[in-house]
Amino acid sequence: MARRIAVALATTIGVGLLTISTADARPELIGVHNQYSPGTIVVKTSERRLYLILDEGHAMRYPVGVGKAGKQWAGETQIDGKYRNPAWAPPADVRHDKPALPNVIAGGSPRNPMGVAAMTLAGGEYAIHGTNVPGSVGGFVSYGCIRMLNPDISDLYQRVPVGTPVVVTR
């Protein structure tokens, strides 16, 4: 079996990681030592990873796509809405760069960049959402949203309620 145990030290959230690395295992349950309360979502932009803190010693870790150069942000917010197969209306900055986009792309459409689910973040036009372009996960690709594989957003969606705190770090 090609599974191996790796030990790494992550900076910024002070995570001591014990991971089982497999190509088919997503999300990963990892060991952590951190300063965040259980139930908090922590997005590490530099790592292109999202962590759902489960307790003092464990988190779920997911690969994500994050904001491209000039579109990244950091701060604290919370989930203010949860939607399955959401329709998408391009925000003003996306429309500026891509004026040919339609005003709305229906939920469930393969052209919809939100994928199978989205959780909107308070205080802005950002969301944690799925994608219909799985190759974009792991890159600096969005206008500030946190992009996840559809199976991963489905997993996270069922784990967290509206009101979940979200911390985004660079």
N, C-alpha and C. Protein backbone atom coordinates (compact mmCIF):
# COMPACT_ATOMS: atom_id res chain seq x y z
N MET A 1 0.85 -1.18 0.00
CA MET A 1 0.00 0.00 0.00
C MET A 1 0.89 1.24 0.00
N ALA A 2 0.51 2.20 -0.82
CA ALA A 2 1.35 3.38 -1.02
C ALA A 2 1.12 4.44 0.05
N ARG A 3 0.54 4.08 1.16
CA ARG A 3 0.31 5.06 2.22
C ARG A 3 1.57 5.23 3.06
N ARG A 4 1.84 6.45 3.44
CA ARG A 4 2.99 6.69 4.29
C ARG A 4 2.62 7.77 5.29
N ILE A 5 3.23 7.72 6.42
CA ILE A 5 2.98 8.73 7.46
C ILE A 5 4.07 9.77 7.38
N ALA A 6 3.65 11.03 7.34
CA ALA A 6 4.60 12.13 7.25
C ALA A 6 4.40 13.06 8.44
N VAL A 7 5.47 13.63 8.91
CA VAL A 7 5.39 14.61 9.98
C VAL A 7 5.89 15.93 9.42
N ALA A 8 5.11 16.98 9.59
CA ALA A 8 5.50 18.29 9.09
C ALA A 8 5.10 19.34 10.12
N LEU A 9 5.72 20.47 10.02
CA LEU A 9 5.36 21.58 10.90
C LEU A 9 4.84 22.71 10.04
N ALA A 10 3.58 23.11 10.28
CA ALA A 10 3.00 24.21 9.53
C ALA A 10 3.15 25.48 10.36
N THR A 11 3.45 26.57 9.69
CA THR A 11 3.58 27.84 10.39
C THR A 11 2.23 28.51 10.50
N THR A 12 2.19 29.69 10.93
CA THR A 12 1.05 30.57 11.09
C THR A 12 -0.03 30.03 12.01
N ILE A 13 -0.61 28.84 11.76
CA ILE A 13 -1.60 28.37 12.73
C ILE A 13 -0.95 27.42 13.73
N GLY A 14 0.37 27.27 13.64
CA GLY A 14 1.09 26.48 14.62
C GLY A 14 0.63 25.04 14.65
N VAL A 15 0.55 24.42 13.53
CA VAL A 15 0.01 23.08 13.45
C VAL A 15 1.15 22.08 13.35
N GLY A 16 1.16 21.10 14.23
CA GLY A 16 2.04 19.95 14.09
C GLY A 16 1.24 18.91 13.35
N LEU A 17 1.58 18.58 12.13
CA LEU A 17 0.75 17.72 11.30
C LEU A 17 1.22 16.29 11.33
N LEU A 18 0.32 15.39 11.58
CA LEU A 18 0.54 13.97 11.36
C LEU A 18 -0.44 13.60 10.26
N THR A 19 0.05 13.31 9.08
CA THR A 19 -0.85 13.06 7.98
C THR A 19 -0.64 11.68 7.40
N ILE A 20 -1.69 11.14 6.85
CA ILE A 20 -1.59 9.94 6.04
C ILE A 20 -1.78 10.41 4.62
N SER A 21 -0.76 10.29 3.82
CA SER A 21 -0.79 10.82 2.46
C SER A 21 -1.22 9.75 1.48
N THR A 22 -2.38 9.94 0.87
CA THR A 22 -2.84 9.04 -0.17
C THR A 22 -3.50 9.85 -1.26
N ALA A 23 -3.39 9.37 -2.47
CA ALA A 23 -3.98 10.08 -3.60
C ALA A 23 -5.50 10.07 -3.54
N ASP A 24 -6.07 9.01 -2.95
CA ASP A 24 -7.53 8.88 -2.97
C ASP A 24 -8.18 9.29 -1.66
N ALA A 25 -7.43 9.70 -0.66
CA ALA A 25 -8.01 10.04 0.63
C ALA A 25 -8.21 11.53 0.76
N ARG A 26 -9.44 11.95 0.76
CA ARG A 26 -9.80 13.34 0.96
C ARG A 26 -11.08 13.37 1.71
N PRO A 27 -11.31 14.17 2.67
CA PRO A 27 -10.32 15.02 3.34
C PRO A 27 -9.42 14.18 4.24
N GLU A 28 -8.40 14.84 4.79
CA GLU A 28 -7.47 14.16 5.68
C GLU A 28 -7.73 14.55 7.12
N LEU A 29 -7.77 13.57 8.00
CA LEU A 29 -7.80 13.82 9.43
C LEU A 29 -6.35 13.96 9.88
N ILE A 30 -6.03 15.08 10.49
CA ILE A 30 -4.64 15.34 10.90
C ILE A 30 -4.57 15.73 12.37
N GLY A 31 -3.39 15.57 12.95
CA GLY A 31 -3.13 16.03 14.30
C GLY A 31 -2.72 17.49 14.28
N VAL A 32 -3.22 18.27 15.23
CA VAL A 32 -2.89 19.70 15.29
C VAL A 32 -2.65 20.16 16.72
N HIS A 33 -1.92 21.24 16.83
CA HIS A 33 -1.76 22.00 18.08
C HIS A 33 -1.95 23.45 17.64
N ASN A 34 -3.06 24.05 18.01
CA ASN A 34 -3.37 25.37 17.46
C ASN A 34 -4.09 26.24 18.47
N GLN A 35 -4.36 27.47 18.07
CA GLN A 35 -5.01 28.43 18.95
C GLN A 35 -6.48 28.65 18.61
N TYR A 36 -7.06 27.88 17.70
CA TYR A 36 -8.43 28.09 17.27
C TYR A 36 -9.39 27.15 17.98
N SER A 37 -10.60 27.63 18.21
CA SER A 37 -11.63 26.85 18.88
C SER A 37 -12.17 25.77 17.96
N PRO A 38 -12.59 24.64 18.54
CA PRO A 38 -13.23 23.61 17.74
C PRO A 38 -14.42 24.19 16.97
N GLY A 39 -14.57 23.75 15.74
CA GLY A 39 -15.64 24.25 14.88
C GLY A 39 -15.21 25.39 13.98
N THR A 40 -14.03 25.93 14.19
CA THR A 40 -13.53 27.04 13.37
C THR A 40 -12.97 26.51 12.06
N ILE A 41 -13.26 27.22 10.97
CA ILE A 41 -12.63 26.95 9.67
C ILE A 41 -11.45 27.91 9.54
N VAL A 42 -10.27 27.34 9.24
CA VAL A 42 -9.07 28.16 9.04
C VAL A 42 -8.59 27.91 7.61
N VAL A 43 -8.48 28.97 6.83
CA VAL A 43 -7.97 28.87 5.45
C VAL A 43 -6.58 29.47 5.44
N LYS A 44 -5.61 28.66 5.05
CA LYS A 44 -4.22 29.12 4.92
C LYS A 44 -3.96 29.35 3.44
N THR A 45 -4.06 30.59 3.01
CA THR A 45 -3.90 30.93 1.60
C THR A 45 -2.56 30.45 1.06
N SER A 46 -1.48 30.67 1.80
CA SER A 46 -0.16 30.29 1.30
C SER A 46 -0.03 28.78 1.08
N GLU A 47 -0.74 28.01 1.87
CA GLU A 47 -0.70 26.54 1.74
C GLU A 47 -1.74 26.02 0.75
N ARG A 48 -2.73 26.85 0.45
CA ARG A 48 -3.88 26.42 -0.33
C ARG A 48 -4.54 25.20 0.32
N ARG A 49 -4.82 25.39 1.63
CA ARG A 49 -5.47 24.37 2.45
C ARG A 49 -6.51 25.01 3.35
N LEU A 50 -7.57 24.27 3.59
CA LEU A 50 -8.61 24.67 4.54
C LEU A 50 -8.61 23.64 5.65
N TYR A 51 -8.67 24.11 6.88
CA TYR A 51 -8.70 23.25 8.06
C TYR A 51 -10.01 23.47 8.80
N LEU A 52 -10.71 22.39 9.12
CA LEU A 52 -11.85 22.46 10.03
C LEU A 52 -11.34 21.90 11.36
N ILE A 53 -11.24 22.78 12.36
CA ILE A 53 -10.72 22.37 13.66
C ILE A 53 -11.80 21.54 14.37
N LEU A 54 -11.45 20.29 14.70
CA LEU A 54 -12.41 19.39 15.33
C LEU A 54 -12.34 19.45 16.85
N ASP A 55 -11.12 19.49 17.38
CA ASP A 55 -10.89 19.58 18.82
C ASP A 55 -9.46 20.06 19.03
N GLU A 56 -8.97 20.04 20.27
CA GLU A 56 -7.62 20.54 20.55
C GLU A 56 -6.53 19.84 19.76
N GLY A 57 -6.76 18.60 19.37
CA GLY A 57 -5.70 17.85 18.73
C GLY A 57 -5.96 17.38 17.32
N HIS A 58 -7.11 17.72 16.73
CA HIS A 58 -7.45 17.18 15.41
C HIS A 58 -8.15 18.20 14.52
N ALA A 59 -7.92 18.04 13.23
CA ALA A 59 -8.59 18.87 12.23
C ALA A 59 -8.79 18.03 10.97
N MET A 60 -9.76 18.43 10.17
CA MET A 60 -9.91 17.90 8.82
C MET A 60 -9.19 18.89 7.92
N ARG A 61 -8.41 18.37 6.97
CA ARG A 61 -7.67 19.24 6.05
C ARG A 61 -8.12 18.94 4.62
N TYR A 62 -8.40 20.03 3.89
CA TYR A 62 -8.87 19.94 2.51
C TYR A 62 -7.99 20.80 1.60
N PRO A 63 -7.70 20.36 0.39
CA PRO A 63 -7.03 21.24 -0.58
C PRO A 63 -8.05 22.25 -1.11
N VAL A 64 -7.59 23.47 -1.38
CA VAL A 64 -8.48 24.51 -1.90
C VAL A 64 -7.77 25.35 -2.96
N GLY A 65 -8.54 25.99 -3.79
CA GLY A 65 -8.06 27.06 -4.66
C GLY A 65 -8.37 28.37 -3.95
N VAL A 66 -7.49 29.34 -4.08
CA VAL A 66 -7.65 30.61 -3.37
C VAL A 66 -7.48 31.78 -4.35
N GLY A 67 -7.58 32.99 -3.82
CA GLY A 67 -7.49 34.19 -4.64
C GLY A 67 -6.18 34.31 -5.39
N LYS A 68 -6.29 34.72 -6.66
CA LYS A 68 -5.08 34.95 -7.45
C LYS A 68 -4.45 36.27 -7.01
N ALA A 69 -3.29 36.58 -7.54
CA ALA A 69 -2.58 37.80 -7.17
C ALA A 69 -3.50 39.01 -7.29
N GLY A 70 -3.52 39.82 -6.27
CA GLY A 70 -4.36 41.01 -6.24
C GLY A 70 -5.79 40.76 -5.80
N LYS A 71 -6.17 39.51 -5.62
CA LYS A 71 -7.54 39.17 -5.22
C LYS A 71 -7.58 38.43 -3.88
N GLN A 72 -6.43 38.29 -3.24
CA GLN A 72 -6.37 37.61 -1.95
C GLN A 72 -6.80 38.54 -0.84
N TRP A 73 -7.28 37.96 0.23
CA TRP A 73 -7.68 38.73 1.40
C TRP A 73 -7.40 37.88 2.64
N ALA A 74 -7.39 38.53 3.78
CA ALA A 74 -7.22 37.84 5.05
C ALA A 74 -8.13 38.51 6.06
N GLY A 75 -8.58 37.74 7.02
CA GLY A 75 -9.43 38.30 8.06
C GLY A 75 -10.31 37.24 8.69
N GLU A 76 -11.23 37.73 9.52
CA GLU A 76 -12.16 36.85 10.22
C GLU A 76 -13.57 37.18 9.79
N THR A 77 -14.36 36.14 9.59
CA THR A 77 -15.75 36.28 9.19
C THR A 77 -16.51 35.07 9.70
N GLN A 78 -17.67 34.83 9.16
CA GLN A 78 -18.43 33.63 9.50
C GLN A 78 -19.30 33.23 8.32
N ILE A 79 -19.74 31.99 8.34
CA ILE A 79 -20.65 31.52 7.31
C ILE A 79 -22.01 32.14 7.57
N ASP A 80 -22.56 32.83 6.55
CA ASP A 80 -23.87 33.44 6.75
C ASP A 80 -24.97 32.82 5.89
N GLY A 81 -24.64 31.84 5.06
CA GLY A 81 -25.65 31.13 4.28
C GLY A 81 -25.09 29.85 3.70
N LYS A 82 -25.98 28.87 3.50
CA LYS A 82 -25.58 27.59 2.90
C LYS A 82 -26.57 27.27 1.79
N TYR A 83 -26.03 26.86 0.61
CA TYR A 83 -26.86 26.65 -0.56
C TYR A 83 -26.39 25.44 -1.34
N ARG A 84 -27.32 24.58 -1.73
CA ARG A 84 -27.04 23.45 -2.61
C ARG A 84 -27.34 23.87 -4.05
N ASN A 85 -26.47 23.52 -4.98
CA ASN A 85 -26.62 23.85 -6.40
C ASN A 85 -27.06 25.30 -6.62
N PRO A 86 -26.29 26.24 -6.07
CA PRO A 86 -26.69 27.65 -6.17
C PRO A 86 -26.53 28.20 -7.59
N ALA A 87 -27.42 29.11 -7.94
CA ALA A 87 -27.22 29.91 -9.15
C ALA A 87 -26.08 30.88 -8.84
N TRP A 88 -25.45 31.42 -9.89
CA TRP A 88 -24.34 32.35 -9.68
C TRP A 88 -24.50 33.57 -10.57
N ALA A 89 -24.41 34.74 -9.95
CA ALA A 89 -24.40 36.01 -10.67
C ALA A 89 -22.99 36.58 -10.53
N PRO A 90 -22.29 36.81 -11.63
CA PRO A 90 -20.91 37.30 -11.53
C PRO A 90 -20.85 38.64 -10.78
N PRO A 91 -19.98 38.74 -9.76
CA PRO A 91 -19.78 40.03 -9.09
C PRO A 91 -19.19 41.07 -10.05
N ALA A 92 -19.23 42.32 -9.64
CA ALA A 92 -18.80 43.42 -10.50
C ALA A 92 -17.37 43.25 -11.02
N ASP A 93 -16.42 42.82 -10.17
CA ASP A 93 -15.04 42.71 -10.64
C ASP A 93 -14.88 41.57 -11.65
N VAL A 94 -15.65 40.50 -11.51
CA VAL A 94 -15.60 39.42 -12.50
C VAL A 94 -16.23 39.90 -13.81
N ARG A 95 -17.36 40.58 -13.70
CA ARG A 95 -18.05 41.09 -14.89
C ARG A 95 -17.16 42.09 -15.64
N HIS A 96 -16.40 42.89 -14.90
CA HIS A 96 -15.49 43.85 -15.53
C HIS A 96 -14.45 43.13 -16.39
N ASP A 97 -13.88 42.04 -15.85
CA ASP A 97 -12.85 41.28 -16.57
C ASP A 97 -13.42 40.37 -17.65
N LYS A 98 -14.67 39.95 -17.48
CA LYS A 98 -15.30 39.00 -18.41
C LYS A 98 -16.70 39.47 -18.76
N PRO A 99 -16.81 40.55 -19.53
CA PRO A 99 -18.13 41.14 -19.80
C PRO A 99 -19.08 40.25 -20.59
N ALA A 100 -18.60 39.22 -21.24
CA ALA A 100 -19.47 38.34 -22.02
C ALA A 100 -20.23 37.33 -21.16
N LEU A 101 -19.90 37.25 -19.87
CA LEU A 101 -20.62 36.30 -19.01
C LEU A 101 -22.09 36.68 -18.92
N PRO A 102 -22.98 35.68 -18.82
CA PRO A 102 -24.40 35.99 -18.63
C PRO A 102 -24.62 36.61 -17.24
N ASN A 103 -25.77 37.24 -17.06
CA ASN A 103 -26.09 37.86 -15.76
C ASN A 103 -26.20 36.83 -14.65
N VAL A 104 -26.72 35.64 -14.98
CA VAL A 104 -26.87 34.56 -14.01
C VAL A 104 -26.59 33.24 -14.72
N ILE A 105 -25.89 32.34 -14.02
CA ILE A 105 -25.69 30.98 -14.49
C ILE A 105 -26.45 30.07 -13.53
N ALA A 106 -27.35 29.29 -14.06
CA ALA A 106 -28.23 28.45 -13.25
C ALA A 106 -27.45 27.43 -12.43
N GLY A 107 -27.97 27.13 -11.25
CA GLY A 107 -27.41 26.07 -10.42
C GLY A 107 -27.51 24.75 -11.17
N GLY A 108 -26.49 23.92 -11.00
CA GLY A 108 -26.47 22.63 -11.68
C GLY A 108 -25.86 22.68 -13.07
N SER A 109 -25.68 23.87 -13.63
CA SER A 109 -25.07 24.00 -14.96
C SER A 109 -23.59 23.67 -14.86
N PRO A 110 -23.05 22.94 -15.85
CA PRO A 110 -21.61 22.68 -15.82
C PRO A 110 -20.77 23.95 -15.96
N ARG A 111 -21.39 25.05 -16.40
CA ARG A 111 -20.68 26.34 -16.52
C ARG A 111 -20.71 27.14 -15.22
N ASN A 112 -21.46 26.68 -14.24
CA ASN A 112 -21.58 27.39 -12.97
C ASN A 112 -20.33 27.16 -12.13
N PRO A 113 -19.60 28.21 -11.77
CA PRO A 113 -18.35 28.04 -11.02
C PRO A 113 -18.54 27.69 -9.55
N MET A 114 -19.79 27.63 -9.06
CA MET A 114 -20.03 27.34 -7.65
C MET A 114 -20.07 25.85 -7.33
N GLY A 115 -20.13 25.01 -8.35
CA GLY A 115 -20.19 23.57 -8.11
C GLY A 115 -21.47 23.16 -7.42
N VAL A 116 -21.40 22.11 -6.60
CA VAL A 116 -22.59 21.50 -6.01
C VAL A 116 -23.09 22.21 -4.76
N ALA A 117 -22.28 23.06 -4.15
CA ALA A 117 -22.70 23.74 -2.92
C ALA A 117 -21.84 24.97 -2.69
N ALA A 118 -22.43 25.90 -1.93
CA ALA A 118 -21.70 27.11 -1.55
C ALA A 118 -22.12 27.54 -0.16
N MET A 119 -21.15 28.07 0.57
CA MET A 119 -21.40 28.66 1.88
C MET A 119 -20.89 30.09 1.81
N THR A 120 -21.81 31.04 1.86
CA THR A 120 -21.43 32.44 1.73
C THR A 120 -20.81 32.95 3.03
N LEU A 121 -19.93 33.92 2.87
CA LEU A 121 -19.24 34.50 4.01
C LEU A 121 -19.78 35.90 4.28
N ALA A 122 -19.98 36.21 5.54
CA ALA A 122 -20.52 37.51 5.94
C ALA A 122 -19.57 38.63 5.57
N GLY A 123 -20.14 39.77 5.20
CA GLY A 123 -19.35 40.97 4.99
C GLY A 123 -18.74 41.13 3.62
N GLY A 124 -19.14 40.36 2.65
CA GLY A 124 -18.55 40.53 1.33
C GLY A 124 -19.19 39.65 0.28
N GLU A 125 -18.55 39.56 -0.86
CA GLU A 125 -19.07 38.78 -1.97
C GLU A 125 -18.37 37.43 -2.08
N TYR A 126 -17.76 36.96 -1.01
CA TYR A 126 -16.98 35.74 -1.06
C TYR A 126 -17.77 34.54 -0.55
N ALA A 127 -17.31 33.36 -0.96
CA ALA A 127 -17.92 32.11 -0.51
C ALA A 127 -16.86 31.02 -0.47
N ILE A 128 -17.17 29.99 0.27
CA ILE A 128 -16.46 28.72 0.19
C ILE A 128 -17.38 27.87 -0.66
N HIS A 129 -16.88 27.39 -1.82
CA HIS A 129 -17.78 26.69 -2.73
C HIS A 129 -17.07 25.59 -3.49
N GLY A 130 -17.86 24.75 -4.14
CA GLY A 130 -17.34 23.69 -4.99
C GLY A 130 -16.87 24.26 -6.31
N THR A 131 -16.52 23.36 -7.22
CA THR A 131 -16.11 23.79 -8.55
C THR A 131 -16.39 22.68 -9.56
N ASN A 132 -16.69 23.08 -10.77
CA ASN A 132 -16.84 22.14 -11.88
C ASN A 132 -15.55 22.04 -12.68
N VAL A 133 -14.47 22.65 -12.16
CA VAL A 133 -13.15 22.59 -12.78
C VAL A 133 -12.18 22.08 -11.71
N PRO A 134 -12.18 20.76 -11.46
CA PRO A 134 -11.37 20.24 -10.35
C PRO A 134 -9.88 20.52 -10.46
N GLY A 135 -9.35 20.70 -11.66
CA GLY A 135 -7.94 21.01 -11.82
C GLY A 135 -7.54 22.36 -11.26
N SER A 136 -8.51 23.22 -10.96
CA SER A 136 -8.20 24.54 -10.42
C SER A 136 -7.95 24.51 -8.91
N VAL A 137 -8.36 23.43 -8.24
CA VAL A 137 -8.14 23.32 -6.80
C VAL A 137 -6.65 23.10 -6.56
N GLY A 138 -6.12 23.87 -5.63
CA GLY A 138 -4.69 23.82 -5.33
C GLY A 138 -3.94 25.00 -5.90
N GLY A 139 -4.62 25.86 -6.64
CA GLY A 139 -3.95 27.00 -7.25
C GLY A 139 -4.42 28.33 -6.71
N PHE A 140 -3.79 29.39 -7.22
CA PHE A 140 -4.18 30.77 -6.94
C PHE A 140 -5.05 31.17 -8.13
N VAL A 141 -6.37 30.96 -8.02
CA VAL A 141 -7.22 30.94 -9.19
C VAL A 141 -8.48 31.80 -9.12
N SER A 142 -8.89 32.22 -7.96
CA SER A 142 -10.21 32.83 -7.82
C SER A 142 -10.13 34.35 -7.67
N TYR A 143 -11.29 34.95 -7.55
CA TYR A 143 -11.41 36.38 -7.28
C TYR A 143 -11.55 36.62 -5.77
N GLY A 144 -11.14 35.67 -4.97
CA GLY A 144 -11.19 35.80 -3.52
C GLY A 144 -11.96 34.70 -2.83
N CYS A 145 -12.76 33.95 -3.59
CA CYS A 145 -13.49 32.82 -3.01
C CYS A 145 -12.54 31.67 -2.70
N ILE A 146 -13.01 30.79 -1.85
CA ILE A 146 -12.28 29.57 -1.50
C ILE A 146 -12.94 28.44 -2.28
N ARG A 147 -12.19 27.83 -3.18
CA ARG A 147 -12.71 26.84 -4.12
C ARG A 147 -12.31 25.43 -3.67
N MET A 148 -13.30 24.53 -3.59
CA MET A 148 -13.06 23.16 -3.14
C MET A 148 -13.55 22.16 -4.18
N LEU A 149 -13.01 20.96 -4.14
CA LEU A 149 -13.55 19.88 -4.96
C LEU A 149 -14.99 19.62 -4.53
N ASN A 150 -15.85 19.24 -5.45
CA ASN A 150 -17.26 19.02 -5.11
C ASN A 150 -17.46 18.01 -3.98
N PRO A 151 -16.76 16.86 -3.96
CA PRO A 151 -16.94 15.96 -2.82
C PRO A 151 -16.50 16.59 -1.49
N ASP A 152 -15.48 17.44 -1.54
CA ASP A 152 -14.99 18.09 -0.32
C ASP A 152 -15.95 19.14 0.20
N ILE A 153 -16.52 19.97 -0.69
CA ILE A 153 -17.49 20.96 -0.21
C ILE A 153 -18.72 20.25 0.33
N SER A 154 -19.10 19.14 -0.26
CA SER A 154 -20.24 18.37 0.25
C SER A 154 -19.96 17.86 1.66
N ASP A 155 -18.74 17.38 1.89
CA ASP A 155 -18.35 16.90 3.21
C ASP A 155 -18.35 18.05 4.23
N LEU A 156 -17.69 19.16 3.89
CA LEU A 156 -17.62 20.30 4.80
C LEU A 156 -19.02 20.87 5.06
N TYR A 157 -19.84 20.95 4.03
CA TYR A 157 -21.19 21.50 4.12
C TYR A 157 -22.00 20.79 5.20
N GLN A 158 -21.90 19.47 5.24
CA GLN A 158 -22.68 18.73 6.23
C GLN A 158 -22.08 18.81 7.63
N ARG A 159 -20.84 19.24 7.76
CA ARG A 159 -20.17 19.31 9.06
C ARG A 159 -20.38 20.63 9.80
N VAL A 160 -20.68 21.72 9.07
CA VAL A 160 -20.71 23.03 9.73
C VAL A 160 -22.05 23.74 9.54
N PRO A 161 -22.48 24.48 10.55
CA PRO A 161 -23.72 25.25 10.44
C PRO A 161 -23.47 26.70 10.03
N VAL A 162 -24.54 27.40 9.70
CA VAL A 162 -24.48 28.86 9.54
C VAL A 162 -24.00 29.41 10.88
N GLY A 163 -23.13 30.41 10.82
CA GLY A 163 -22.55 31.00 12.02
C GLY A 163 -21.16 30.49 12.34
N THR A 164 -20.69 29.46 11.62
CA THR A 164 -19.35 28.92 11.84
C THR A 164 -18.31 30.01 11.62
N PRO A 165 -17.39 30.21 12.57
CA PRO A 165 -16.33 31.19 12.35
C PRO A 165 -15.35 30.73 11.27
N VAL A 166 -14.88 31.70 10.47
CA VAL A 166 -13.92 31.45 9.40
C VAL A 166 -12.78 32.43 9.55
N VAL A 167 -11.55 31.90 9.57
CA VAL A 167 -10.34 32.73 9.65
C VAL A 167 -9.53 32.47 8.38
N VAL A 168 -9.24 33.53 7.65
CA VAL A 168 -8.41 33.41 6.43
C VAL A 168 -7.10 34.11 6.71
N THR A 169 -5.99 33.36 6.53
CA THR A 169 -4.66 33.92 6.74
C THR A 169 -3.89 33.85 5.44
N ARG A 170 -2.90 34.69 5.30
CA ARG A 170 -2.05 34.64 4.10
C ARG A 170 -0.99 33.61 4.31
